[in-house]
Each structure stands twice: as structure tokens, then as C-alpha cells.
């Protein structure tokens, strides 16, 4: 998949505003998304574990 010219223009403008190269901006965006997914997965695991714990006090 490739970026459209409009998308590239938007990326260049955003990178310029942040004082970054396109490569640096892409790196940061990808790493940020990986971290977001890792946190979301952990939150899902904790919520699943907590669901059972929350039921126990309610049953007493």
C-alpha cells in the first residue's frame, strides 16, 4: 500500500511542525501503536481475570 500525494503532503507538514524527518515520525508512530496494543492486551487480560474476582464477593 502506498500513500496518496495528499497523505504525503499531510505527513510532511506534520513532520515539519514537529521538527522531525518522515522516517523519525514513522518510527515514533509505529512504536507508539505497538505500545498501545500491548497496553490494551494487558488491560483485556486484567479485566478478564478481575471479572471472576468481582463475582465472588457478590455471591456471599
PDB file of N, CA and C in Angstrom:
ATOM      1  N   UNK A   1       0.849  -1.165   0.000  1.00  0.00           N
ATOM      2  CA  UNK A   1       0.000   0.000   0.000  1.00  0.00           C
ATOM      3  C   UNK A   1       0.900   1.235   0.000  1.00  0.00           C
ATOM      4  N   UNK A   2       0.488   2.215  -0.741  1.00  0.00           N
ATOM      5  CA  UNK A   2       1.262   3.443  -0.814  1.00  0.00           C
ATOM      6  C   UNK A   2       0.411   4.631  -0.401  1.00  0.00           C
ATOM      7  N   UNK A   3       1.078   5.688   0.044  1.00  0.00           N
ATOM      8  CA  UNK A   3       0.394   6.907   0.430  1.00  0.00           C
ATOM      9  C   UNK A   3       0.001   7.691  -0.817  1.00  0.00           C
ATOM     10  N   UNK A   4      -1.137   8.359  -0.743  1.00  0.00           N
ATOM     11  CA  UNK A   4      -1.518   9.274  -1.814  1.00  0.00           C
ATOM     12  C   UNK A   4      -0.668  10.535  -1.683  1.00  0.00           C
ATOM     13  N   UNK A   5      -0.672  11.344  -2.719  1.00  0.00           N
ATOM     14  CA  UNK A   5       0.075  12.608  -2.648  1.00  0.00           C
ATOM     15  C   UNK A   5      -0.474  13.488  -1.531  1.00  0.00           C
ATOM     16  N   UNK A   6      -1.786  13.485  -1.369  1.00  0.00           N
ATOM     17  CA  UNK A   6      -2.407  14.284  -0.295  1.00  0.00           C
ATOM     18  C   UNK A   6      -1.944  13.797   1.073  1.00  0.00           C
ATOM     19  N   UNK A   7      -1.907  12.483   1.260  1.00  0.00           N
ATOM     20  CA  UNK A   7      -1.435  11.928   2.529  1.00  0.00           C
ATOM     21  C   UNK A   7       0.031  12.274   2.769  1.00  0.00           C
ATOM     22  N   UNK A   8       0.848  12.182   1.717  1.00  0.00           N
ATOM     23  CA  UNK A   8       2.270  12.525   1.862  1.00  0.00           C
ATOM     24  C   UNK A   8       2.433  13.996   2.228  1.00  0.00           C
ATOM     25  N   UNK A   9       1.636  14.854   1.613  1.00  0.00           N
ATOM     26  CA  UNK A   9       1.699  16.278   1.950  1.00  0.00           C
ATOM     27  C   UNK A   9       1.356  16.494   3.420  1.00  0.00           C
ATOM     28  N   UNK A  10       0.316  15.801   3.893  1.00  0.00           N
ATOM     29  CA  UNK A  10      -0.089  15.930   5.296  1.00  0.00           C
ATOM     30  C   UNK A  10       1.009  15.415   6.221  1.00  0.00           C
ATOM     31  N   UNK A  11       1.632  14.307   5.848  1.00  0.00           N
ATOM     32  CA  UNK A  11       2.724  13.751   6.657  1.00  0.00           C
ATOM     33  C   UNK A  11       3.920  14.697   6.700  1.00  0.00           C
ATOM     34  N   UNK A  12       4.269  15.255   5.554  1.00  0.00           N
ATOM     35  CA  UNK A  12       5.393  16.192   5.508  1.00  0.00           C
ATOM     36  C   UNK A  12       5.117  17.415   6.381  1.00  0.00           C
ATOM     37  N   UNK A  13       3.896  17.939   6.291  1.00  0.00           N
ATOM     38  CA  UNK A  13       3.522  19.097   7.107  1.00  0.00           C
ATOM     39  C   UNK A  13       3.599  18.766   8.595  1.00  0.00           C
ATOM     40  N   UNK A  14       3.064  17.608   8.971  1.00  0.00           N
ATOM     41  CA  UNK A  14       3.078  17.205  10.385  1.00  0.00           C
ATOM     42  C   UNK A  14       4.512  17.008  10.870  1.00  0.00           C
ATOM     43  N   UNK A  15       5.329  16.366  10.065  1.00  0.00           N
ATOM     44  CA  UNK A  15       6.729  16.151  10.442  1.00  0.00           C
ATOM     45  C   UNK A  15       7.443  17.496  10.588  1.00  0.00           C
ATOM     46  N   UNK A  16       7.173  18.396   9.668  1.00  0.00           N
ATOM     47  CA  UNK A  16       7.787  19.721   9.734  1.00  0.00           C
ATOM     48  C   UNK A  16       7.397  20.471  10.990  1.00  0.00           C
ATOM     49  N   UNK A  17       6.126  20.388  11.354  1.00  0.00           N
ATOM     50  CA  UNK A  17       5.658  21.057  12.576  1.00  0.00           C
ATOM     51  C   UNK A  17       6.353  20.500  13.806  1.00  0.00           C
ATOM     52  N   UNK A  18       6.642  19.206  13.784  1.00  0.00           N
ATOM     53  CA  UNK A  18       7.291  18.557  14.927  1.00  0.00           C
ATOM     54  C   UNK A  18       8.812  18.596  14.837  1.00  0.00           C
ATOM     55  N   UNK A  19       9.331  19.145  13.739  1.00  0.00           N
ATOM     56  CA  UNK A  19      10.778  19.207  13.566  1.00  0.00           C
ATOM     57  C   UNK A  19      11.411  17.839  13.403  1.00  0.00           C
ATOM     58  N   UNK A  20      10.689  16.915  12.769  1.00  0.00           N
ATOM     59  CA  UNK A  20      11.179  15.551  12.586  1.00  0.00           C
ATOM     60  C   UNK A  20      11.257  15.214  11.099  1.00  0.00           C
ATOM     61  N   UNK A  21      12.031  14.196  10.801  1.00  0.00           N
ATOM     62  CA  UNK A  21      12.037  13.636   9.453  1.00  0.00           C
ATOM     63  C   UNK A  21      10.826  12.706   9.329  1.00  0.00           C
ATOM     64  N   UNK A  22      10.454  12.400   8.097  1.00  0.00           N
ATOM     65  CA  UNK A  22       9.357  11.447   7.889  1.00  0.00           C
ATOM     66  C   UNK A  22       9.710  10.091   8.495  1.00  0.00           C
ATOM     67  N   UNK A  23      10.951   9.696   8.348  1.00  0.00           N
ATOM     68  CA  UNK A  23      11.399   8.408   8.884  1.00  0.00           C
ATOM     69  C   UNK A  23      11.261   8.376  10.404  1.00  0.00           C
ATOM     70  N   UNK A  24      11.679   9.448  11.058  1.00  0.00           N
ATOM     71  CA  UNK A  24      11.587   9.532  12.514  1.00  0.00           C
ATOM     72  C   UNK A  24      10.132   9.543  12.965  1.00  0.00           C
ATOM     73  N   UNK A  25       9.314  10.282  12.236  1.00  0.00           N
ATOM     74  CA  UNK A  25       7.895  10.357  12.578  1.00  0.00           C
ATOM     75  C   UNK A  25       7.224   8.981  12.404  1.00  0.00           C
ATOM     76  N   UNK A  26       7.564   8.279  11.327  1.00  0.00           N
ATOM     77  CA  UNK A  26       7.001   6.942  11.095  1.00  0.00           C
ATOM     78  C   UNK A  26       7.450   5.981  12.195  1.00  0.00           C
ATOM     79  N   UNK A  27       8.704   6.045  12.562  1.00  0.00           N
ATOM     80  CA  UNK A  27       9.229   5.190  13.634  1.00  0.00           C
ATOM     81  C   UNK A  27       8.452   5.423  14.926  1.00  0.00           C
ATOM     82  N   UNK A  28       8.321   6.698  15.299  1.00  0.00           N
ATOM     83  CA  UNK A  28       7.636   7.034  16.539  1.00  0.00           C
ATOM     84  C   UNK A  28       6.181   6.574  16.528  1.00  0.00           C
ATOM     85  N   UNK A  29       5.517   6.736  15.372  1.00  0.00           N
ATOM     86  CA  UNK A  29       4.117   6.333  15.260  1.00  0.00           C
ATOM     87  C   UNK A  29       3.967   4.818  15.398  1.00  0.00           C
ATOM     88  N   UNK A  30       4.864   4.079  14.784  1.00  0.00           N
ATOM     89  CA  UNK A  30       4.785   2.616  14.844  1.00  0.00           C
ATOM     90  C   UNK A  30       5.066   2.124  16.257  1.00  0.00           C
ATOM     91  N   UNK A  31       6.100   2.651  16.886  1.00  0.00           N
ATOM     92  CA  UNK A  31       6.434   2.243  18.254  1.00  0.00           C
ATOM     93  C   UNK A  31       5.289   2.601  19.198  1.00  0.00           C
ATOM     94  N   UNK A  32       4.694   3.766  19.020  1.00  0.00           N
ATOM     95  CA  UNK A  32       3.570   4.182  19.853  1.00  0.00           C
ATOM     96  C   UNK A  32       2.384   3.232  19.692  1.00  0.00           C
ATOM     97  N   UNK A  33       2.103   2.835  18.466  1.00  0.00           N
ATOM     98  CA  UNK A  33       0.999   1.902  18.222  1.00  0.00           C
ATOM     99  C   UNK A  33       1.283   0.539  18.833  1.00  0.00           C
ATOM    100  N   UNK A  34       2.510   0.066  18.756  1.00  0.00           N
ATOM    101  CA  UNK A  34       2.864  -1.214  19.375  1.00  0.00           C
ATOM    102  C   UNK A  34       2.667  -1.160  20.890  1.00  0.00           C
ATOM    103  N   UNK A  35       3.079  -0.057  21.497  1.00  0.00           N
ATOM    104  CA  UNK A  35       2.887   0.106  22.948  1.00  0.00           C
ATOM    105  C   UNK A  35       1.401   0.161  23.294  1.00  0.00           C
ATOM    106  N   UNK A  36       0.614   0.885  22.479  1.00  0.00           N
ATOM    107  CA  UNK A  36      -0.818   0.987  22.726  1.00  0.00           C
ATOM    108  C   UNK A  36      -1.469  -0.392  22.683  1.00  0.00           C
ATOM    109  N   UNK A  37      -1.089  -1.183  21.700  1.00  0.00           N
ATOM    110  CA  UNK A  37      -1.655  -2.537  21.575  1.00  0.00           C
ATOM    111  C   UNK A  37      -1.255  -3.422  22.750  1.00  0.00           C
ATOM    112  N   UNK A  38      -0.016  -3.269  23.210  1.00  0.00           N
ATOM    113  CA  UNK A  38       0.459  -4.061  24.349  1.00  0.00           C
ATOM    114  C   UNK A  38      -0.331  -3.702  25.611  1.00  0.00           C
ATOM    115  N   UNK A  39      -0.550  -2.412  25.827  1.00  0.00           N
ATOM    116  CA  UNK A  39      -1.316  -1.961  26.991  1.00  0.00           C
ATOM    117  C   UNK A  39      -2.762  -2.437  26.884  1.00  0.00           C
ATOM    118  N   UNK A  40      -3.348  -2.340  25.694  1.00  0.00           N
ATOM    119  CA  UNK A  40      -4.734  -2.784  25.501  1.00  0.00           C
ATOM    120  C   UNK A  40      -4.864  -4.282  25.769  1.00  0.00           C
ATOM    121  N   UNK A  41      -3.892  -5.065  25.310  1.00  0.00           N
ATOM    122  CA  UNK A  41      -3.926  -6.512  25.555  1.00  0.00           C
ATOM    123  C   UNK A  41      -3.813  -6.810  27.041  1.00  0.00           C
ATOM    124  N   UNK A  42      -2.940  -6.099  27.724  1.00  0.00           N
ATOM    125  CA  UNK A  42      -2.791  -6.306  29.172  1.00  0.00           C
ATOM    126  C   UNK A  42      -4.070  -5.917  29.899  1.00  0.00           C
ATOM    127  N   UNK A  43      -4.686  -4.825  29.492  1.00  0.00           N
ATOM    128  CA  UNK A  43      -5.933  -4.391  30.128  1.00  0.00           C
ATOM    129  C   UNK A  43      -7.029  -5.431  29.921  1.00  0.00           C
ATOM    130  N   UNK A  44      -7.071  -6.018  28.745  1.00  0.00           N
ATOM    131  CA  UNK A  44      -8.068  -7.059  28.464  1.00  0.00           C
ATOM    132  C   UNK A  44      -7.832  -8.279  29.348  1.00  0.00           C
ATOM    133  N   UNK A  45      -6.554  -8.666  29.509  1.00  0.00           N
ATOM    134  CA  UNK A  45      -6.240  -9.812  30.383  1.00  0.00           C
ATOM    135  C   UNK A  45      -6.637  -9.520  31.822  1.00  0.00           C
ATOM    136  N   UNK A  46      -6.328  -8.339  32.308  1.00  0.00           N
ATOM    137  CA  UNK A  46      -6.657  -7.971  33.690  1.00  0.00           C
ATOM    138  C   UNK A  46      -8.163  -7.931  33.879  1.00  0.00           C
ATOM    139  N   UNK A  47      -8.872  -7.368  32.915  1.00  0.00           N
ATOM    140  CA  UNK A  47     -10.331  -7.307  33.017  1.00  0.00           C
ATOM    141  C   UNK A  47     -10.922  -8.714  33.060  1.00  0.00           C
ATOM    142  N   UNK A  48     -10.373  -9.606  32.254  1.00  0.00           N
ATOM    143  CA  UNK A  48     -10.849 -10.989  32.268  1.00  0.00           C
ATOM    144  C   UNK A  48     -10.590 -11.663  33.604  1.00  0.00           C
ATOM    145  N   UNK A  49      -9.417 -11.445  34.165  1.00  0.00           N
ATOM    146  CA  UNK A  49      -9.086 -12.019  35.466  1.00  0.00           C
ATOM    147  C   UNK A  49      -9.931 -11.409  36.567  1.00  0.00           C
ATOM    148  N   UNK A  50     -10.162 -10.120  36.491  1.00  0.00           N
ATOM    149  CA  UNK A  50     -10.911  -9.413  37.522  1.00  0.00           C
ATOM    150  C   UNK A  50     -12.386  -9.769  37.511  1.00  0.00           C
ATOM    151  N   UNK A  51     -12.905 -10.160  36.351  1.00  0.00           N
ATOM    152  CA  UNK A  51     -14.332 -10.482  36.255  1.00  0.00           C
ATOM    153  C   UNK A  51     -14.708 -11.585  37.248  1.00  0.00           C
ATOM    154  N   UNK A  52     -13.885 -12.613  37.315  1.00  0.00           N
ATOM    155  CA  UNK A  52     -14.139 -13.695  38.259  1.00  0.00           C
ATOM    156  C   UNK A  52     -13.996 -13.249  39.687  1.00  0.00           C
ATOM    157  N   UNK A  53     -13.049 -12.407  39.965  1.00  0.00           N
ATOM    158  CA  UNK A  53     -12.837 -11.923  41.329  1.00  0.00           C
ATOM    159  C   UNK A  53     -14.009 -11.059  41.791  1.00  0.00           C
ATOM    160  N   UNK A  54     -14.563 -10.273  40.890  1.00  0.00           N
ATOM    161  CA  UNK A  54     -15.677  -9.410  41.233  1.00  0.00           C
ATOM    162  C   UNK A  54     -16.968 -10.178  41.521  1.00  0.00           C
ATOM    163  N   UNK A  55     -17.106 -11.356  40.914  1.00  0.00           N
ATOM    164  CA  UNK A  55     -18.309 -12.165  41.127  1.00  0.00           C
ATOM    165  C   UNK A  55     -18.306 -12.801  42.524  1.00  0.00           C
ATOM    166  N   UNK A  56     -17.151 -13.196  43.004  1.00  0.00           N
ATOM    167  CA  UNK A  56     -17.061 -13.897  44.286  1.00  0.00           C
ATOM    168  C   UNK A  56     -17.636 -13.093  45.450  1.00  0.00           C
ATOM    169  N   UNK A  57     -17.239 -11.817  45.642  1.00  0.00           N
ATOM    170  CA  UNK A  57     -17.813 -11.067  46.756  1.00  0.00           C
ATOM    171  C   UNK A  57     -19.327 -10.865  46.604  1.00  0.00           C
ATOM    172  N   UNK A  58     -19.798 -10.766  45.383  1.00  0.00           N
ATOM    173  CA  UNK A  58     -21.228 -10.559  45.160  1.00  0.00           C
ATOM    174  C   UNK A  58     -22.034 -11.793  45.514  1.00  0.00           C
ATOM    175  N   UNK A  59     -21.430 -12.984  45.460  1.00  0.00           N
ATOM    176  CA  UNK A  59     -22.127 -14.218  45.745  1.00  0.00           C
ATOM    177  C   UNK A  59     -22.271 -14.481  47.242  1.00  0.00           C
ATOM    178  N   UNK A  60     -21.501 -13.784  48.068  1.00  0.00           N
ATOM    179  CA  UNK A  60     -21.553 -14.032  49.510  1.00  0.00           C
ATOM    180  C   UNK A  60     -22.736 -13.401  50.156  1.00  0.00           C
TER     181      UNK A  60
END
